[in-house]
PDB file of N, CA and C in Angstrom:
ATOM      1  N   MET A   1      79.119 113.646  98.001  1.00  0.00           N
ATOM      2  CA  MET A   1      79.867 112.856  99.100  1.00  0.00           C
ATOM      3  C   MET A   1      79.179 111.535  99.117  1.00  0.00           C
ATOM      4  N   ALA A   2      80.098 110.561  99.644  1.00  0.00           N
ATOM      5  CA  ALA A   2      79.687 109.297  99.675  1.00  0.00           C
ATOM      6  C   ALA A   2      78.839 109.231 100.886  1.00  0.00           C
ATOM      7  N   ASP A   3      77.714 108.312 101.167  1.00  0.00           N
ATOM      8  CA  ASP A   3      77.089 108.245 102.479  1.00  0.00           C
ATOM      9  C   ASP A   3      78.040 107.868 103.599  1.00  0.00           C
ATOM     10  N   LEU A   4      77.638 108.308 104.802  1.00  0.00           N
ATOM     11  CA  LEU A   4      78.453 108.289 105.976  1.00  0.00           C
ATOM     12  C   LEU A   4      79.190 107.023 106.194  1.00  0.00           C
ATOM     13  N   ALA A   5      78.384 105.743 105.953  1.00  0.00           N
ATOM     14  CA  ALA A   5      79.016 104.353 106.164  1.00  0.00           C
ATOM     15  C   ALA A   5      80.200 104.127 105.072  1.00  0.00           C
ATOM     16  N   THR A   6      79.952 104.512 103.820  1.00  0.00           N
ATOM     17  CA  THR A   6      80.827 104.339 102.768  1.00  0.00           C
ATOM     18  C   THR A   6      82.011 105.350 103.111  1.00  0.00           C
ATOM     19  N   PHE A   7      81.906 106.550 103.480  1.00  0.00           N
ATOM     20  CA  PHE A   7      82.842 107.442 103.895  1.00  0.00           C
ATOM     21  C   PHE A   7      83.797 106.789 104.895  1.00  0.00           C
ATOM     22  N   GLY A   8      83.180 106.371 105.940  1.00  0.00           N
ATOM     23  CA  GLY A   8      83.949 105.898 107.097  1.00  0.00           C
ATOM     24  C   GLY A   8      84.731 104.616 106.581  1.00  0.00           C
ATOM     25  N   TRP A   9      84.208 103.854 105.823  1.00  0.00           N
ATOM     26  CA  TRP A   9      84.808 102.533 105.324  1.00  0.00           C
ATOM     27  C   TRP A   9      86.104 103.053 104.410  1.00  0.00           C
ATOM     28  N   LEU A  10      85.902 104.073 103.547  1.00  0.00           N
ATOM     29  CA  LEU A  10      87.004 104.512 102.673  1.00  0.00           C
ATOM     30  C   LEU A  10      88.131 105.210 103.497  1.00  0.00           C
ATOM     31  N   VAL A  11      87.875 105.822 104.461  1.00  0.00           N
ATOM     32  CA  VAL A  11      88.817 106.485 105.298  1.00  0.00           C
ATOM     33  C   VAL A  11      89.668 105.329 106.335  1.00  0.00           C
ATOM     34  N   ASP A  12      88.883 104.451 106.686  1.00  0.00           N
ATOM     35  CA  ASP A  12      89.418 103.170 107.425  1.00  0.00           C
ATOM     36  C   ASP A  12      90.421 102.575 106.593  1.00  0.00           C
ATOM     37  N   SER A  13      89.970 102.252 105.336  1.00  0.00           N
ATOM     38  CA  SER A  13      90.719 101.387 104.312  1.00  0.00           C
ATOM     39  C   SER A  13      91.861 102.207 103.883  1.00  0.00           C
ATOM     40  N   ILE A  14      91.917 103.428 103.730  1.00  0.00           N
ATOM     41  CA  ILE A  14      93.163 104.153 103.319  1.00  0.00           C
ATOM     42  C   ILE A  14      94.073 104.302 104.404  1.00  0.00           C
ATOM     43  N   THR A  15      93.714 104.729 105.633  1.00  0.00           N
ATOM     44  CA  THR A  15      94.384 104.706 106.902  1.00  0.00           C
ATOM     45  C   THR A  15      95.213 103.398 107.157  1.00  0.00           C
ATOM     46  N   LYS A  16      94.448 102.231 107.063  1.00  0.00           N
ATOM     47  CA  LYS A  16      95.136 100.968 107.077  1.00  0.00           C
ATOM     48  C   LYS A  16      96.383 100.693 106.089  1.00  0.00           C
ATOM     49  N   LYS A  17      95.948 101.165 104.844  1.00  0.00           N
ATOM     50  CA  LYS A  17      97.108 101.051 103.899  1.00  0.00           C
ATOM     51  C   LYS A  17      98.206 101.959 104.012  1.00  0.00           C
ATOM     52  N   ILE A  18      97.962 103.085 104.459  1.00  0.00           N
ATOM     53  CA  ILE A  18      99.038 104.068 104.755  1.00  0.00           C
ATOM     54  C   ILE A  18      99.816 103.616 105.953  1.00  0.00           C
ATOM     55  N   ALA A  19      99.204 103.005 106.992  1.00  0.00           N
ATOM     56  CA  ALA A  19     100.042 102.513 108.026  1.00  0.00           C
ATOM     57  C   ALA A  19     100.908 101.248 107.653  1.00  0.00           C
ATOM     58  N   ALA A  20     100.341 100.491 106.805  1.00  0.00           N
ATOM     59  CA  ALA A  20     101.217  99.382 106.088  1.00  0.00           C
ATOM     60  C   ALA A  20     102.383  99.884 105.358  1.00  0.00           C
ATOM     61  N   PHE A  21     102.170 101.103 104.652  1.00  0.00           N
ATOM     62  CA  PHE A  21     103.413 101.552 103.972  1.00  0.00           C
ATOM     63  C   PHE A  21     104.474 102.114 104.937  1.00  0.00           C
ATOM     64  N   ILE A  22     103.858 102.617 105.967  1.00  0.00           N
ATOM     65  CA  ILE A  22     104.758 103.256 107.217  1.00  0.00           C
ATOM     66  C   ILE A  22     105.702 102.107 107.821  1.00  0.00           C
ATOM     67  N   VAL A  23     105.000 100.975 107.992  1.00  0.00           N
ATOM     68  CA  VAL A  23     105.640  99.722 108.513  1.00  0.00           C
ATOM     69  C   VAL A  23     106.721  99.253 107.568  1.00  0.00           C
ATOM     70  N   GLU A  24     106.423  99.330 106.204  1.00  0.00           N
ATOM     71  CA  GLU A  24     107.322  98.921 105.352  1.00  0.00           C
ATOM     72  C   GLU A  24     108.437  99.794 105.247  1.00  0.00           C
ATOM     73  N   ASP A  25     108.263 101.128 105.055  1.00  0.00           N
ATOM     74  CA  ASP A  25     109.175 102.171 104.960  1.00  0.00           C
ATOM     75  C   ASP A  25     109.971 102.612 106.197  1.00  0.00           C
ATOM     76  N   GLU A  26     109.391 102.616 107.254  1.00  0.00           N
ATOM     77  CA  GLU A  26     110.003 103.143 108.444  1.00  0.00           C
ATOM     78  C   GLU A  26     110.458 102.092 109.398  1.00  0.00           C
ATOM     79  N   HIS A  27     110.012 100.856 109.121  1.00  0.00           N
ATOM     80  CA  HIS A  27     110.358  99.722 109.971  1.00  0.00           C
ATOM     81  C   HIS A  27     109.964  99.953 111.390  1.00  0.00           C
ATOM     82  N   VAL A  28     108.807 100.155 111.460  1.00  0.00           N
ATOM     83  CA  VAL A  28     107.940 100.308 112.721  1.00  0.00           C
ATOM     84  C   VAL A  28     106.852  99.265 113.032  1.00  0.00           C
ATOM     85  N   GLU A  29     106.527  98.957 114.162  1.00  0.00           N
ATOM     86  CA  GLU A  29     105.344  98.082 114.382  1.00  0.00           C
ATOM     87  C   GLU A  29     104.152  98.860 113.932  1.00  0.00           C
ATOM     88  N   TYR A  30     103.156  97.996 113.415  1.00  0.00           N
ATOM     89  CA  TYR A  30     101.817  98.386 112.962  1.00  0.00           C
ATOM     90  C   TYR A  30     101.087  99.348 113.917  1.00  0.00           C
ATOM     91  N   ASP A  31     101.029  99.102 115.194  1.00  0.00           N
ATOM     92  CA  ASP A  31     100.324 100.134 116.156  1.00  0.00           C
ATOM     93  C   ASP A  31     101.124 101.383 116.091  1.00  0.00           C
ATOM     94  N   GLU A  32     102.410 101.392 116.061  1.00  0.00           N
ATOM     95  CA  GLU A  32     103.167 102.737 115.954  1.00  0.00           C
ATOM     96  C   GLU A  32     102.793 103.350 114.692  1.00  0.00           C
ATOM     97  N   ALA A  33     102.772 102.606 113.624  1.00  0.00           N
ATOM     98  CA  ALA A  33     102.384 103.211 112.315  1.00  0.00           C
ATOM     99  C   ALA A  33     101.061 103.919 112.344  1.00  0.00           C
ATOM    100  N   LEU A  34     100.030 103.229 112.878  1.00  0.00           N
ATOM    101  CA  LEU A  34      98.723 103.934 113.116  1.00  0.00           C
ATOM    102  C   LEU A  34      98.603 104.958 114.089  1.00  0.00           C
ATOM    103  N   ARG A  35      99.487 104.953 114.915  1.00  0.00           N
ATOM    104  CA  ARG A  35      99.580 106.104 115.712  1.00  0.00           C
ATOM    105  C   ARG A  35     100.125 107.374 115.071  1.00  0.00           C
ATOM    106  N   ARG A  36     100.938 107.163 114.118  1.00  0.00           N
ATOM    107  CA  ARG A  36     101.704 108.191 113.406  1.00  0.00           C
ATOM    108  C   ARG A  36     100.599 108.851 112.391  1.00  0.00           C
ATOM    109  N   VAL A  37      99.908 107.756 111.865  1.00  0.00           N
ATOM    110  CA  VAL A  37      98.822 108.368 110.978  1.00  0.00           C
ATOM    111  C   VAL A  37      97.816 109.090 111.597  1.00  0.00           C
ATOM    112  N   TYR A  38      97.280 108.632 112.802  1.00  0.00           N
ATOM    113  CA  TYR A  38      96.231 109.363 113.484  1.00  0.00           C
ATOM    114  C   TYR A  38      96.656 110.535 114.010  1.00  0.00           C
ATOM    115  N   ALA A  39      97.961 110.856 114.209  1.00  0.00           N
ATOM    116  CA  ALA A  39      98.590 112.177 114.793  1.00  0.00           C
ATOM    117  C   ALA A  39      99.016 113.200 113.582  1.00  0.00           C
ATOM    118  N   SER A  40      98.781 112.667 112.525  1.00  0.00           N
ATOM    119  CA  SER A  40      99.276 113.586 111.425  1.00  0.00           C
ATOM    120  C   SER A  40      98.185 114.538 111.021  1.00  0.00           C
ATOM    121  N   LYS A  41      98.632 115.454 110.456  1.00  0.00           N
ATOM    122  CA  LYS A  41      97.665 116.599 109.819  1.00  0.00           C
ATOM    123  C   LYS A  41      96.877 115.900 108.713  1.00  0.00           C
ATOM    124  N   LEU A  42      97.412 115.157 107.999  1.00  0.00           N
ATOM    125  CA  LEU A  42      96.860 114.345 106.894  1.00  0.00           C
ATOM    126  C   LEU A  42      95.637 113.680 107.346  1.00  0.00           C
ATOM    127  N   PHE A  43      95.549 113.203 108.562  1.00  0.00           N
ATOM    128  CA  PHE A  43      94.487 112.143 108.907  1.00  0.00           C
ATOM    129  C   PHE A  43      93.380 113.108 109.208  1.00  0.00           C
ATOM    130  N   GLY A  44      93.383 114.520 109.712  1.00  0.00           N
ATOM    131  CA  GLY A  44      92.374 115.212 109.739  1.00  0.00           C
ATOM    132  C   GLY A  44      91.816 115.834 108.424  1.00  0.00           C
ATOM    133  N   LYS A  45      92.773 115.969 107.346  1.00  0.00           N
ATOM    134  CA  LYS A  45      92.151 116.218 106.006  1.00  0.00           C
ATOM    135  C   LYS A  45      91.603 114.996 105.224  1.00  0.00           C
ATOM    136  N   LEU A  46      91.906 113.896 105.715  1.00  0.00           N
ATOM    137  CA  LEU A  46      91.273 112.744 105.084  1.00  0.00           C
ATOM    138  C   LEU A  46      89.905 112.562 105.865  1.00  0.00           C
ATOM    139  N   ASN A  47      89.767 112.854 106.873  1.00  0.00           N
ATOM    140  CA  ASN A  47      88.392 112.833 107.715  1.00  0.00           C
ATOM    141  C   ASN A  47      87.528 113.966 107.265  1.00  0.00           C
ATOM    142  N   ASP A  48      88.027 115.026 106.490  1.00  0.00           N
ATOM    143  CA  ASP A  48      87.375 116.204 106.046  1.00  0.00           C
ATOM    144  C   ASP A  48      86.784 115.793 104.600  1.00  0.00           C
ATOM    145  N   SER A  49      85.527 115.731 104.551  1.00  0.00           N
ATOM    146  CA  SER A  49      84.871 115.316 103.149  1.00  0.00           C
ATOM    147  C   SER A  49      85.129 116.339 102.172  1.00  0.00           C
ATOM    148  N   GLU A  50      85.358 117.548 102.704  1.00  0.00           N
ATOM    149  CA  GLU A  50      85.433 118.776 101.788  1.00  0.00           C
ATOM    150  C   GLU A  50      86.742 118.646 100.959  1.00  0.00           C
ATOM    151  N   THR A  51      87.763 117.894 101.374  1.00  0.00           N
ATOM    152  CA  THR A  51      89.104 117.664 100.835  1.00  0.00           C
ATOM    153  C   THR A  51      89.002 116.658  99.666  1.00  0.00           C
ATOM    154  N   ALA A  52      87.921 115.718  99.860  1.00  0.00           N
ATOM    155  CA  ALA A  52      87.800 114.644  98.851  1.00  0.00           C
ATOM    156  C   ALA A  52      89.114 113.932  98.887  1.00  0.00           C
ATOM    157  N   LEU A  53      89.843 113.791  99.792  1.00  0.00           N
ATOM    158  CA  LEU A  53      91.049 112.935  99.753  1.00  0.00           C
ATOM    159  C   LEU A  53      90.630 111.525  99.935  1.00  0.00           C
ATOM    160  N   TYR A  54      89.479 111.253 100.623  1.00  0.00           N
ATOM    161  CA  TYR A  54      89.023 109.835 100.704  1.00  0.00           C
ATOM    162  C   TYR A  54      88.772 109.111  99.397  1.00  0.00           C
ATOM    163  N   ARG A  55      88.555 109.958  98.389  1.00  0.00           N
ATOM    164  CA  ARG A  55      88.304 109.355  97.016  1.00  0.00           C
ATOM    165  C   ARG A  55      89.517 108.865  96.259  1.00  0.00           C
ATOM    166  N   GLU A  56      90.787 109.222  96.735  1.00  0.00           N
ATOM    167  CA  GLU A  56      92.032 109.013  96.174  1.00  0.00           C
ATOM    168  C   GLU A  56      92.539 107.740  96.581  1.00  0.00           C
ATOM    169  N   GLY A  57      93.612 107.199  95.863  1.00  0.00           N
ATOM    170  CA  GLY A  57      94.121 105.858  96.189  1.00  0.00           C
ATOM    171  C   GLY A  57      94.974 106.262  97.480  1.00  0.00           C
ATOM    172  N   ALA A  58      95.402 105.060  98.019  1.00  0.00           N
ATOM    173  CA  ALA A  58      96.160 105.100  99.189  1.00  0.00           C
ATOM    174  C   ALA A  58      97.653 105.647  98.956  1.00  0.00           C
ATOM    175  N   ALA A  59      98.108 105.133  97.927  1.00  0.00           N
ATOM    176  CA  ALA A  59      99.551 105.543  97.437  1.00  0.00           C
ATOM    177  C   ALA A  59      99.630 107.173  97.245  1.00  0.00           C
ATOM    178  N   TYR A  60      98.543 107.617  96.704  1.00  0.00           N
ATOM    179  CA  TYR A  60      98.617 109.067  96.455  1.00  0.00           C
ATOM    180  C   TYR A  60      98.444 109.758  97.735  1.00  0.00           C
ATOM    181  N   VAL A  61      97.558 109.255  98.602  1.00  0.00           N
ATOM    182  CA  VAL A  61      97.299 109.961 100.045  1.00  0.00           C
ATOM    183  C   VAL A  61      98.627 109.775 100.754  1.00  0.00           C
ATOM    184  N   TYR A  62      99.376 108.685 100.790  1.00  0.00           N
ATOM    185  CA  TYR A  62     100.629 108.464 101.396  1.00  0.00           C
ATOM    186  C   TYR A  62     101.666 109.378 100.964  1.00  0.00           C
ATOM    187  N   GLN A  63     101.714 109.839  99.826  1.00  0.00           N
ATOM    188  CA  GLN A  63     102.616 110.864  99.292  1.00  0.00           C
ATOM    189  C   GLN A  63     102.309 112.227 100.084  1.00  0.00           C
ATOM    190  N   HIS A  64     101.137 112.575 100.297  1.00  0.00           N
ATOM    191  CA  HIS A  64     100.731 113.684 101.131  1.00  0.00           C
ATOM    192  C   HIS A  64     101.401 113.502 102.618  1.00  0.00           C
ATOM    193  N   TYR A  65     101.257 112.273 102.998  1.00  0.00           N
ATOM    194  CA  TYR A  65     101.734 112.076 104.411  1.00  0.00           C
ATOM    195  C   TYR A  65     103.248 112.341 104.428  1.00  0.00           C
ATOM    196  N   LEU A  66     103.929 111.652 103.434  1.00  0.00           N
ATOM    197  CA  LEU A  66     105.606 111.910 103.299  1.00  0.00           C
ATOM    198  C   LEU A  66     105.773 113.434 103.310  1.00  0.00           C
ATOM    199  N   GLU A  67     105.043 114.040 102.348  1.00  0.00           N
ATOM    200  CA  GLU A  67     105.336 115.630 102.245  1.00  0.00           C
ATOM    201  C   GLU A  67     105.181 116.224 103.468  1.00  0.00           C
ATOM    202  N   GLU A  68     104.142 115.823 104.293  1.00  0.00           N
ATOM    203  CA  GLU A  68     103.923 116.452 105.677  1.00  0.00           C
ATOM    204  C   GLU A  68     105.092 116.290 106.518  1.00  0.00           C
ATOM    205  N   ARG A  69     105.831 115.250 106.404  1.00  0.00           N
ATOM    206  CA  ARG A  69     106.702 114.790 107.454  1.00  0.00           C
ATOM    207  C   ARG A  69     108.239 115.623 107.009  1.00  0.00           C
ATOM    208  N   ILE A  70     108.253 116.090 105.823  1.00  0.00           N
ATOM    209  CA  ILE A  70     109.586 116.777 105.536  1.00  0.00           C
ATOM    210  C   ILE A  70     109.604 118.171 106.236  1.00  0.00           C
TER     211      ILE A  70
END
């Protein structure tokens, strides 16, 4: 696993990119998009180093977010 600072930076970076995808796709404000990410099950998985989702690209992780919403 990455060190704690790197892990946090990666999770934060992916979270911001997913929020940007939500803004574009769902036509909501950025604050609302962040709220949706934070409220998702995906965010819990992203913060779990055991899942290693933090190592994946934002587009890949966003697909998991979309699947969760179905």
